């Protein structure tokens, strides 16, 4: 079924449609939550809390085109709530499954996650939303409640800080950070 139709049904109170939307976006929501907290349990808690809060408020969504933007915004607020409660360092061994992949790639990934976690909140948000969620600048700006030029500035400064933190080397995963800007 068309996602827009599901969103319209969910807004009208159809819980099954809302559940289908969550299933459609569950992987993306989980990955985003994981990038914020760095462990599976907290990421799942964040996704669950996001689903609960979104279910309660879905009737207030004014434009169905922005469902994912709205849902991501709720998720980010939930992630910050969990991070405030925890106020602890992320155990590196939980960030990535140490038994899989090449050692070099794993080390690069760990370095990248550590560097992202060192960024200021607004820089980290811009980087995660743009590079990991593949959202356009306009969507990043809407989620962050800032003008597009401010989102671009956050992204640029975040990228520069990441380069410094990573010793001037861009991430060699599927896509380098510098290739999107």
N, C-alpha and C. Protein backbone atom coordinates (compact mmCIF):
# COMPACT_ATOMS: atom_id res chain seq x y z
N UNK A 1 0.85 -1.19 0.00
CA UNK A 1 0.00 0.00 0.00
C UNK A 1 0.88 1.24 0.00
N UNK A 2 0.41 2.26 -0.64
CA UNK A 2 1.12 3.52 -0.73
C UNK A 2 1.35 4.09 0.68
N UNK A 3 2.57 4.58 0.92
CA UNK A 3 2.91 5.10 2.24
C UNK A 3 2.06 6.31 2.62
N UNK A 4 1.75 7.16 1.67
CA UNK A 4 0.92 8.34 1.97
C UNK A 4 -0.47 7.92 2.44
N UNK A 5 -1.01 6.86 1.83
CA UNK A 5 -2.32 6.37 2.26
C UNK A 5 -2.25 5.82 3.68
N UNK A 6 -1.15 5.13 3.98
CA UNK A 6 -0.97 4.62 5.34
C UNK A 6 -0.89 5.77 6.34
N UNK A 7 -0.17 6.82 5.98
CA UNK A 7 -0.03 7.96 6.88
C UNK A 7 -1.40 8.61 7.11
N UNK A 8 -2.17 8.79 6.05
CA UNK A 8 -3.50 9.40 6.19
C UNK A 8 -4.38 8.55 7.11
N UNK A 9 -4.31 7.23 6.94
CA UNK A 9 -5.09 6.33 7.80
C UNK A 9 -4.62 6.40 9.24
N UNK A 10 -3.32 6.46 9.42
CA UNK A 10 -2.77 6.54 10.78
C UNK A 10 -3.21 7.83 11.46
N UNK A 11 -3.21 8.93 10.73
CA UNK A 11 -3.63 10.21 11.29
C UNK A 11 -5.09 10.14 11.74
N UNK A 12 -5.89 9.38 11.00
CA UNK A 12 -7.31 9.24 11.34
C UNK A 12 -7.54 8.24 12.47
N UNK A 13 -6.44 7.62 12.97
CA UNK A 13 -6.57 6.73 14.12
C UNK A 13 -6.44 5.25 13.82
N UNK A 14 -6.09 4.89 12.60
CA UNK A 14 -5.93 3.48 12.25
C UNK A 14 -4.59 2.98 12.79
N UNK A 15 -4.64 2.17 13.86
CA UNK A 15 -3.42 1.69 14.50
C UNK A 15 -2.67 0.68 13.63
N UNK A 16 -3.38 -0.08 12.83
CA UNK A 16 -2.71 -1.03 11.93
C UNK A 16 -1.88 -0.30 10.88
N UNK A 17 -2.41 0.79 10.36
CA UNK A 17 -1.66 1.58 9.38
C UNK A 17 -0.42 2.18 10.04
N UNK A 18 -0.57 2.65 11.27
CA UNK A 18 0.56 3.21 11.99
C UNK A 18 1.63 2.14 12.22
N UNK A 19 1.19 0.95 12.59
CA UNK A 19 2.12 -0.16 12.80
C UNK A 19 2.88 -0.50 11.51
N UNK A 20 2.18 -0.51 10.40
CA UNK A 20 2.84 -0.78 9.11
C UNK A 20 3.90 0.28 8.81
N UNK A 21 3.59 1.53 9.10
CA UNK A 21 4.57 2.60 8.89
C UNK A 21 5.81 2.40 9.76
N UNK A 22 5.60 1.97 10.99
CA UNK A 22 6.74 1.72 11.86
C UNK A 22 7.59 0.57 11.33
N UNK A 23 6.94 -0.45 10.81
CA UNK A 23 7.67 -1.58 10.23
C UNK A 23 8.50 -1.11 9.03
N UNK A 24 7.90 -0.29 8.20
CA UNK A 24 8.59 0.23 7.01
C UNK A 24 9.86 0.99 7.41
N UNK A 25 9.78 1.76 8.46
CA UNK A 25 10.88 2.65 8.84
C UNK A 25 11.70 2.13 10.03
N UNK A 26 11.44 0.92 10.49
CA UNK A 26 12.07 0.42 11.70
C UNK A 26 13.60 0.34 11.60
N UNK A 27 14.11 -0.14 10.47
CA UNK A 27 15.57 -0.25 10.33
C UNK A 27 16.24 1.12 10.41
N UNK A 28 15.67 2.09 9.72
CA UNK A 28 16.24 3.44 9.71
C UNK A 28 16.17 4.05 11.11
N UNK A 29 15.06 3.85 11.79
CA UNK A 29 14.91 4.39 13.14
C UNK A 29 15.92 3.75 14.09
N UNK A 30 16.07 2.44 13.98
CA UNK A 30 17.02 1.73 14.85
C UNK A 30 18.45 2.21 14.59
N UNK A 31 18.84 2.29 13.33
CA UNK A 31 20.21 2.72 13.01
C UNK A 31 20.48 4.13 13.55
N UNK A 32 19.51 5.01 13.41
CA UNK A 32 19.69 6.37 13.91
C UNK A 32 19.82 6.37 15.43
N UNK A 33 18.95 5.64 16.10
CA UNK A 33 19.02 5.56 17.57
C UNK A 33 20.36 4.97 18.01
N UNK A 34 20.81 3.94 17.31
CA UNK A 34 22.08 3.31 17.65
C UNK A 34 23.25 4.28 17.51
N UNK A 35 23.21 5.12 16.49
CA UNK A 35 24.28 6.10 16.32
C UNK A 35 24.35 7.08 17.49
N UNK A 36 23.22 7.35 18.11
CA UNK A 36 23.21 8.26 19.26
C UNK A 36 23.69 7.59 20.54
N UNK A 37 23.25 6.37 20.80
CA UNK A 37 23.53 5.76 22.10
C UNK A 37 24.60 4.68 22.06
N UNK A 38 24.83 4.08 20.91
CA UNK A 38 25.93 3.14 20.77
C UNK A 38 25.72 1.75 21.31
N UNK A 39 24.50 1.42 21.74
CA UNK A 39 24.26 0.04 22.16
C UNK A 39 22.84 -0.38 21.81
N UNK A 40 22.70 -1.67 21.60
CA UNK A 40 21.46 -2.25 21.10
C UNK A 40 20.27 -2.01 22.03
N UNK A 41 20.47 -2.24 23.31
CA UNK A 41 19.37 -2.16 24.27
C UNK A 41 18.78 -0.75 24.34
N UNK A 42 19.65 0.24 24.47
CA UNK A 42 19.16 1.62 24.52
C UNK A 42 18.53 2.04 23.20
N UNK A 43 19.12 1.60 22.08
CA UNK A 43 18.57 1.94 20.77
C UNK A 43 17.15 1.36 20.63
N UNK A 44 16.97 0.13 21.05
CA UNK A 44 15.63 -0.47 20.99
C UNK A 44 14.65 0.25 21.91
N UNK A 45 15.12 0.65 23.09
CA UNK A 45 14.27 1.42 24.01
C UNK A 45 13.85 2.74 23.37
N UNK A 46 14.77 3.38 22.69
CA UNK A 46 14.48 4.66 22.04
C UNK A 46 13.44 4.47 20.93
N UNK A 47 13.61 3.43 20.13
CA UNK A 47 12.65 3.16 19.06
C UNK A 47 11.27 2.88 19.66
N UNK A 48 11.23 2.12 20.74
CA UNK A 48 9.96 1.81 21.39
C UNK A 48 9.30 3.08 21.95
N UNK A 49 10.09 3.90 22.62
CA UNK A 49 9.56 5.14 23.17
C UNK A 49 9.09 6.08 22.06
N UNK A 50 9.82 6.11 20.96
CA UNK A 50 9.44 6.91 19.80
C UNK A 50 8.10 6.45 19.26
N UNK A 51 7.95 5.14 19.12
CA UNK A 51 6.69 4.58 18.60
C UNK A 51 5.53 4.95 19.52
N UNK A 52 5.74 4.85 20.82
CA UNK A 52 4.69 5.18 21.78
C UNK A 52 4.29 6.66 21.69
N UNK A 53 5.29 7.52 21.72
CA UNK A 53 5.00 8.96 21.66
C UNK A 53 4.36 9.35 20.33
N UNK A 54 4.84 8.75 19.25
CA UNK A 54 4.29 9.05 17.93
C UNK A 54 2.85 8.56 17.82
N UNK A 55 2.56 7.40 18.37
CA UNK A 55 1.19 6.88 18.33
C UNK A 55 0.23 7.83 19.05
N UNK A 56 0.66 8.35 20.17
CA UNK A 56 -0.18 9.28 20.92
C UNK A 56 -0.40 10.59 20.18
N UNK A 57 0.57 11.01 19.37
CA UNK A 57 0.52 12.33 18.75
C UNK A 57 0.25 12.31 17.24
N UNK A 58 0.10 11.13 16.63
CA UNK A 58 0.00 11.07 15.17
C UNK A 58 -1.20 11.85 14.64
N UNK A 59 -2.25 11.96 15.42
CA UNK A 59 -3.43 12.71 15.00
C UNK A 59 -3.16 14.19 14.82
N UNK A 60 -2.08 14.68 15.40
CA UNK A 60 -1.73 16.10 15.31
C UNK A 60 -0.85 16.42 14.11
N UNK A 61 -0.40 15.38 13.40
CA UNK A 61 0.45 15.59 12.23
C UNK A 61 -0.36 16.31 11.15
N UNK A 62 0.14 17.45 10.70
CA UNK A 62 -0.62 18.27 9.76
C UNK A 62 -0.37 17.92 8.30
N UNK A 63 0.85 17.51 7.97
CA UNK A 63 1.18 17.22 6.59
C UNK A 63 1.77 15.82 6.49
N UNK A 64 1.04 14.92 5.85
CA UNK A 64 1.47 13.53 5.79
C UNK A 64 2.79 13.33 5.05
N UNK A 65 3.18 14.28 4.20
CA UNK A 65 4.45 14.18 3.48
C UNK A 65 5.64 14.20 4.44
N UNK A 66 5.47 14.79 5.60
CA UNK A 66 6.56 14.95 6.55
C UNK A 66 6.50 13.93 7.68
N UNK A 67 5.85 12.82 7.46
CA UNK A 67 5.73 11.80 8.51
C UNK A 67 7.10 11.35 9.01
N UNK A 68 7.98 10.96 8.11
CA UNK A 68 9.29 10.46 8.53
C UNK A 68 10.11 11.56 9.21
N UNK A 69 10.01 12.77 8.73
CA UNK A 69 10.71 13.89 9.37
C UNK A 69 10.20 14.07 10.79
N UNK A 70 8.90 14.04 10.94
CA UNK A 70 8.25 14.18 12.25
C UNK A 70 8.67 13.04 13.17
N UNK A 71 8.66 11.82 12.66
CA UNK A 71 9.02 10.65 13.45
C UNK A 71 10.49 10.70 13.87
N UNK A 72 11.36 11.13 12.96
CA UNK A 72 12.78 11.23 13.27
C UNK A 72 13.03 12.28 14.34
N UNK A 73 12.28 13.35 14.28
CA UNK A 73 12.41 14.41 15.29
C UNK A 73 12.05 13.87 16.68
N UNK A 74 11.00 13.09 16.75
CA UNK A 74 10.60 12.46 18.03
C UNK A 74 11.72 11.54 18.50
N UNK A 75 12.28 10.75 17.58
CA UNK A 75 13.34 9.81 17.92
C UNK A 75 14.55 10.54 18.48
N UNK A 76 14.94 11.65 17.87
CA UNK A 76 16.10 12.40 18.35
C UNK A 76 15.85 12.91 19.76
N UNK A 77 14.65 13.41 20.03
CA UNK A 77 14.34 13.87 21.38
C UNK A 77 14.40 12.71 22.38
N UNK A 78 13.91 11.55 21.99
CA UNK A 78 13.97 10.38 22.86
C UNK A 78 15.42 9.96 23.10
N UNK A 79 16.24 10.03 22.06
CA UNK A 79 17.65 9.67 22.19
C UNK A 79 18.36 10.61 23.16
N UNK A 80 18.07 11.90 23.05
CA UNK A 80 18.69 12.85 23.97
C UNK A 80 18.24 12.60 25.41
N UNK A 81 16.97 12.23 25.58
CA UNK A 81 16.49 11.91 26.93
C UNK A 81 17.26 10.73 27.52
N UNK A 82 17.47 9.69 26.73
CA UNK A 82 18.21 8.52 27.20
C UNK A 82 19.66 8.90 27.48
N UNK A 83 20.26 9.70 26.61
CA UNK A 83 21.65 10.10 26.80
C UNK A 83 21.81 10.93 28.07
N UNK A 84 20.84 11.78 28.35
CA UNK A 84 20.90 12.59 29.57
C UNK A 84 20.82 11.70 30.80
N UNK A 85 19.96 10.67 30.73
CA UNK A 85 19.81 9.76 31.87
C UNK A 85 21.07 8.93 32.08
N UNK A 86 21.67 8.49 31.03
CA UNK A 86 22.84 7.60 31.13
C UNK A 86 24.10 8.36 31.53
N UNK A 87 24.38 9.45 30.81
CA UNK A 87 25.58 10.25 31.04
C UNK A 87 26.80 9.38 31.31
N UNK A 88 27.04 8.48 30.38
CA UNK A 88 28.21 7.62 30.52
C UNK A 88 28.85 7.44 29.15
N UNK A 89 30.06 6.96 29.15
CA UNK A 89 30.75 6.71 27.89
C UNK A 89 30.19 5.46 27.25
N UNK A 90 30.25 5.42 25.93
CA UNK A 90 29.77 4.27 25.18
C UNK A 90 30.84 3.18 25.21
N UNK A 91 30.47 1.97 25.67
CA UNK A 91 31.46 0.89 25.61
C UNK A 91 31.75 0.53 24.15
N UNK A 92 33.01 0.62 23.77
CA UNK A 92 33.41 0.42 22.39
C UNK A 92 33.03 -0.97 21.90
N UNK A 93 33.13 -1.99 22.73
CA UNK A 93 32.84 -3.34 22.27
C UNK A 93 31.39 -3.54 21.87
N UNK A 94 30.51 -2.66 22.32
CA UNK A 94 29.10 -2.77 21.95
C UNK A 94 28.76 -1.98 20.69
N UNK A 95 29.65 -1.12 20.24
CA UNK A 95 29.36 -0.29 19.08
C UNK A 95 29.27 -1.13 17.82
N UNK A 96 30.12 -2.12 17.73
CA UNK A 96 30.18 -2.92 16.51
C UNK A 96 30.48 -4.36 16.90
N UNK A 97 29.96 -5.29 16.16
CA UNK A 97 30.23 -6.70 16.40
C UNK A 97 31.69 -6.96 16.06
N UNK A 98 32.50 -7.21 17.09
CA UNK A 98 33.93 -7.33 16.88
C UNK A 98 34.33 -8.61 16.15
N UNK A 99 33.41 -9.56 16.04
CA UNK A 99 33.76 -10.82 15.40
C UNK A 99 33.60 -10.78 13.89
N UNK A 100 33.05 -9.71 13.34
CA UNK A 100 32.81 -9.69 11.90
C UNK A 100 33.62 -8.61 11.22
N UNK A 101 33.85 -8.79 9.93
CA UNK A 101 34.49 -7.76 9.11
C UNK A 101 35.99 -7.75 9.23
N UNK A 102 36.60 -6.96 8.39
CA UNK A 102 38.05 -6.81 8.42
C UNK A 102 38.45 -5.90 9.56
N UNK A 103 39.60 -6.17 10.11
CA UNK A 103 40.08 -5.39 11.25
C UNK A 103 40.23 -3.92 10.89
N UNK A 104 40.77 -3.63 9.73
CA UNK A 104 40.98 -2.24 9.33
C UNK A 104 39.66 -1.49 9.20
N UNK A 105 38.69 -2.11 8.55
CA UNK A 105 37.40 -1.46 8.36
C UNK A 105 36.70 -1.27 9.71
N UNK A 106 36.82 -2.27 10.58
CA UNK A 106 36.22 -2.18 11.91
C UNK A 106 36.85 -1.03 12.68
N UNK A 107 38.17 -0.92 12.61
CA UNK A 107 38.86 0.16 13.32
C UNK A 107 38.43 1.53 12.78
N UNK A 108 38.31 1.64 11.46
CA UNK A 108 37.85 2.90 10.87
C UNK A 108 36.44 3.22 11.34
N UNK A 109 35.58 2.21 11.38
CA UNK A 109 34.20 2.42 11.83
C UNK A 109 34.18 2.87 13.28
N UNK A 110 34.97 2.21 14.13
CA UNK A 110 35.03 2.59 15.54
C UNK A 110 35.54 4.02 15.70
N UNK A 111 36.56 4.37 14.93
CA UNK A 111 37.09 5.73 14.99
C UNK A 111 36.03 6.73 14.57
N UNK A 112 35.29 6.41 13.52
CA UNK A 112 34.24 7.30 13.03
C UNK A 112 33.15 7.48 14.08
N UNK A 113 32.69 6.39 14.68
CA UNK A 113 31.63 6.48 15.70
C UNK A 113 32.12 7.29 16.90
N UNK A 114 33.36 7.04 17.32
CA UNK A 114 33.92 7.81 18.44
C UNK A 114 33.98 9.31 18.10
N UNK A 115 34.43 9.59 16.88
CA UNK A 115 34.55 10.99 16.46
C UNK A 115 33.18 11.65 16.38
N UNK A 116 32.19 10.95 15.85
CA UNK A 116 30.83 11.50 15.77
C UNK A 116 30.29 11.80 17.17
N UNK A 117 30.57 10.93 18.11
CA UNK A 117 30.09 11.14 19.48
C UNK A 117 30.80 12.29 20.18
N UNK A 118 31.93 12.75 19.66
CA UNK A 118 32.63 13.89 20.23
C UNK A 118 32.14 15.23 19.70
N UNK A 119 31.35 15.20 18.64
CA UNK A 119 30.86 16.45 18.04
C UNK A 119 29.82 17.11 18.95
N UNK A 120 29.67 18.42 18.80
CA UNK A 120 28.58 19.12 19.49
C UNK A 120 27.26 18.55 18.98
N UNK A 121 26.22 18.63 19.79
CA UNK A 121 24.94 18.02 19.46
C UNK A 121 24.41 18.43 18.08
N UNK A 122 24.42 19.72 17.78
CA UNK A 122 23.84 20.16 16.50
C UNK A 122 24.69 19.72 15.32
N UNK A 123 26.00 19.64 15.49
CA UNK A 123 26.86 19.13 14.41
C UNK A 123 26.61 17.63 14.22
N UNK A 124 26.53 16.91 15.34
CA UNK A 124 26.29 15.46 15.28
C UNK A 124 24.96 15.18 14.61
N UNK A 125 23.92 15.92 14.98
CA UNK A 125 22.60 15.72 14.36
C UNK A 125 22.67 15.92 12.86
N UNK A 126 23.30 17.01 12.44
CA UNK A 126 23.38 17.30 11.01
C UNK A 126 24.13 16.19 10.27
N UNK A 127 25.24 15.75 10.82
CA UNK A 127 26.04 14.69 10.18
C UNK A 127 25.26 13.38 10.10
N UNK A 128 24.64 12.99 11.18
CA UNK A 128 23.88 11.73 11.19
C UNK A 128 22.72 11.78 10.22
N UNK A 129 21.96 12.86 10.26
CA UNK A 129 20.79 12.95 9.38
C UNK A 129 21.19 13.01 7.91
N UNK A 130 22.24 13.73 7.59
CA UNK A 130 22.64 13.89 6.19
C UNK A 130 23.38 12.67 5.66
N UNK A 131 24.38 12.20 6.38
CA UNK A 131 25.23 11.13 5.86
C UNK A 131 24.70 9.73 6.13
N UNK A 132 24.09 9.52 7.27
CA UNK A 132 23.64 8.18 7.62
C UNK A 132 22.18 7.93 7.28
N UNK A 133 21.37 8.98 7.30
CA UNK A 133 19.97 8.83 6.93
C UNK A 133 19.73 9.24 5.49
N UNK A 134 20.73 9.81 4.86
CA UNK A 134 20.64 10.26 3.47
C UNK A 134 19.50 11.24 3.23
N UNK A 135 19.28 12.12 4.19
CA UNK A 135 18.23 13.12 4.05
C UNK A 135 18.80 14.35 3.35
N UNK A 136 18.00 15.00 2.52
CA UNK A 136 18.46 16.25 1.90
C UNK A 136 18.56 17.36 2.95
N UNK A 137 19.33 18.37 2.62
CA UNK A 137 19.53 19.49 3.55
C UNK A 137 18.20 20.08 4.02
N UNK A 138 17.23 20.17 3.11
CA UNK A 138 15.94 20.75 3.50
C UNK A 138 15.27 19.94 4.62
N UNK A 139 15.36 18.62 4.56
CA UNK A 139 14.79 17.76 5.60
C UNK A 139 15.59 17.88 6.90
N UNK A 140 16.90 17.93 6.78
CA UNK A 140 17.76 18.09 7.96
C UNK A 140 17.38 19.39 8.68
N UNK A 141 17.20 20.44 7.92
CA UNK A 141 16.83 21.74 8.50
C UNK A 141 15.48 21.67 9.21
N UNK A 142 14.51 20.99 8.59
CA UNK A 142 13.18 20.87 9.21
C UNK A 142 13.26 20.09 10.51
N UNK A 143 13.98 18.98 10.51
CA UNK A 143 14.09 18.17 11.72
C UNK A 143 14.78 18.94 12.84
N UNK A 144 15.79 19.72 12.47
CA UNK A 144 16.55 20.46 13.47
C UNK A 144 15.92 21.81 13.83
N UNK A 145 14.85 22.18 13.13
CA UNK A 145 14.19 23.47 13.37
C UNK A 145 15.14 24.66 13.16
N UNK A 146 15.90 24.59 12.07
CA UNK A 146 16.82 25.68 11.74
C UNK A 146 16.68 25.99 10.26
N UNK A 147 17.11 27.18 9.83
CA UNK A 147 17.10 27.49 8.40
C UNK A 147 18.08 26.56 7.65
N UNK A 148 17.85 26.39 6.36
CA UNK A 148 18.70 25.51 5.56
C UNK A 148 20.17 25.92 5.61
N UNK A 149 20.43 27.23 5.54
CA UNK A 149 21.83 27.68 5.58
C UNK A 149 22.50 27.34 6.91
N UNK A 150 21.74 27.38 7.99
CA UNK A 150 22.29 27.00 9.29
C UNK A 150 22.60 25.51 9.30
N UNK A 151 21.71 24.70 8.74
CA UNK A 151 21.96 23.26 8.65
C UNK A 151 23.22 22.99 7.82
N UNK A 152 23.39 23.74 6.73
CA UNK A 152 24.60 23.58 5.90
C UNK A 152 25.84 23.95 6.70
N UNK A 153 25.74 25.01 7.49
CA UNK A 153 26.88 25.43 8.31
C UNK A 153 27.21 24.36 9.34
N UNK A 154 26.20 23.83 10.02
CA UNK A 154 26.41 22.76 11.00
C UNK A 154 27.08 21.56 10.33
N UNK A 155 26.60 21.21 9.16
CA UNK A 155 27.14 20.07 8.44
C UNK A 155 28.60 20.32 8.05
N UNK A 156 28.88 21.50 7.54
CA UNK A 156 30.25 21.85 7.13
C UNK A 156 31.19 21.83 8.33
N UNK A 157 30.77 22.46 9.42
CA UNK A 157 31.62 22.51 10.61
C UNK A 157 31.79 21.12 11.23
N UNK A 158 30.70 20.35 11.23
CA UNK A 158 30.78 18.99 11.75
C UNK A 158 31.73 18.14 10.93
N UNK A 159 31.66 18.29 9.62
CA UNK A 159 32.55 17.54 8.72
C UNK A 159 34.01 17.95 8.96
N UNK A 160 34.26 19.24 9.12
CA UNK A 160 35.62 19.70 9.38
C UNK A 160 36.15 19.18 10.72
N UNK A 161 35.29 19.17 11.73
CA UNK A 161 35.71 18.63 13.02
C UNK A 161 35.99 17.14 12.92
N UNK A 162 35.16 16.42 12.17
CA UNK A 162 35.40 14.99 11.98
C UNK A 162 36.74 14.74 11.30
N UNK A 163 37.05 15.55 10.29
CA UNK A 163 38.33 15.39 9.60
C UNK A 163 39.49 15.60 10.57
N UNK A 164 39.37 16.62 11.43
CA UNK A 164 40.43 16.86 12.42
C UNK A 164 40.53 15.70 13.40
N UNK A 165 39.38 15.24 13.89
CA UNK A 165 39.37 14.14 14.86
C UNK A 165 39.89 12.84 14.26
N UNK A 166 39.67 12.66 12.97
CA UNK A 166 40.11 11.44 12.30
C UNK A 166 41.49 11.60 11.65
N UNK A 167 42.15 12.69 11.94
CA UNK A 167 43.49 12.91 11.40
C UNK A 167 43.50 13.25 9.93
N UNK A 168 42.45 13.90 9.44
CA UNK A 168 42.40 14.32 8.05
C UNK A 168 42.00 13.23 7.08
N UNK A 169 41.67 12.05 7.59
CA UNK A 169 41.31 10.94 6.73
C UNK A 169 39.80 10.77 6.74
N UNK A 170 39.20 10.75 5.57
CA UNK A 170 37.76 10.55 5.48
C UNK A 170 37.45 9.07 5.68
N UNK A 171 36.24 8.78 6.10
CA UNK A 171 35.78 7.43 6.33
C UNK A 171 35.79 6.64 5.03
N UNK A 172 36.33 5.43 5.05
CA UNK A 172 36.46 4.62 3.85
C UNK A 172 35.39 3.54 3.76
N UNK A 173 34.23 3.76 4.33
CA UNK A 173 33.14 2.79 4.25
C UNK A 173 32.49 2.87 2.89
N UNK A 174 31.20 2.67 2.84
CA UNK A 174 30.48 2.68 1.58
C UNK A 174 30.57 4.03 0.87
N UNK A 175 30.64 5.08 1.64
CA UNK A 175 30.71 6.41 1.06
C UNK A 175 31.53 7.27 1.98
N UNK A 176 32.42 8.07 1.45
CA UNK A 176 33.18 8.96 2.29
C UNK A 176 32.35 10.17 2.64
N UNK A 177 32.66 10.75 3.75
CA UNK A 177 31.91 11.91 4.18
C UNK A 177 32.06 13.05 3.19
N UNK A 178 33.25 13.24 2.67
CA UNK A 178 33.48 14.36 1.78
C UNK A 178 32.80 14.19 0.41
N UNK A 179 32.37 12.99 0.08
CA UNK A 179 31.76 12.78 -1.24
C UNK A 179 30.33 13.28 -1.33
N UNK A 180 29.67 13.57 -0.21
CA UNK A 180 28.28 14.03 -0.24
C UNK A 180 28.16 15.54 -0.27
N UNK A 181 29.22 16.27 0.07
CA UNK A 181 29.14 17.72 0.14
C UNK A 181 29.91 18.34 -1.00
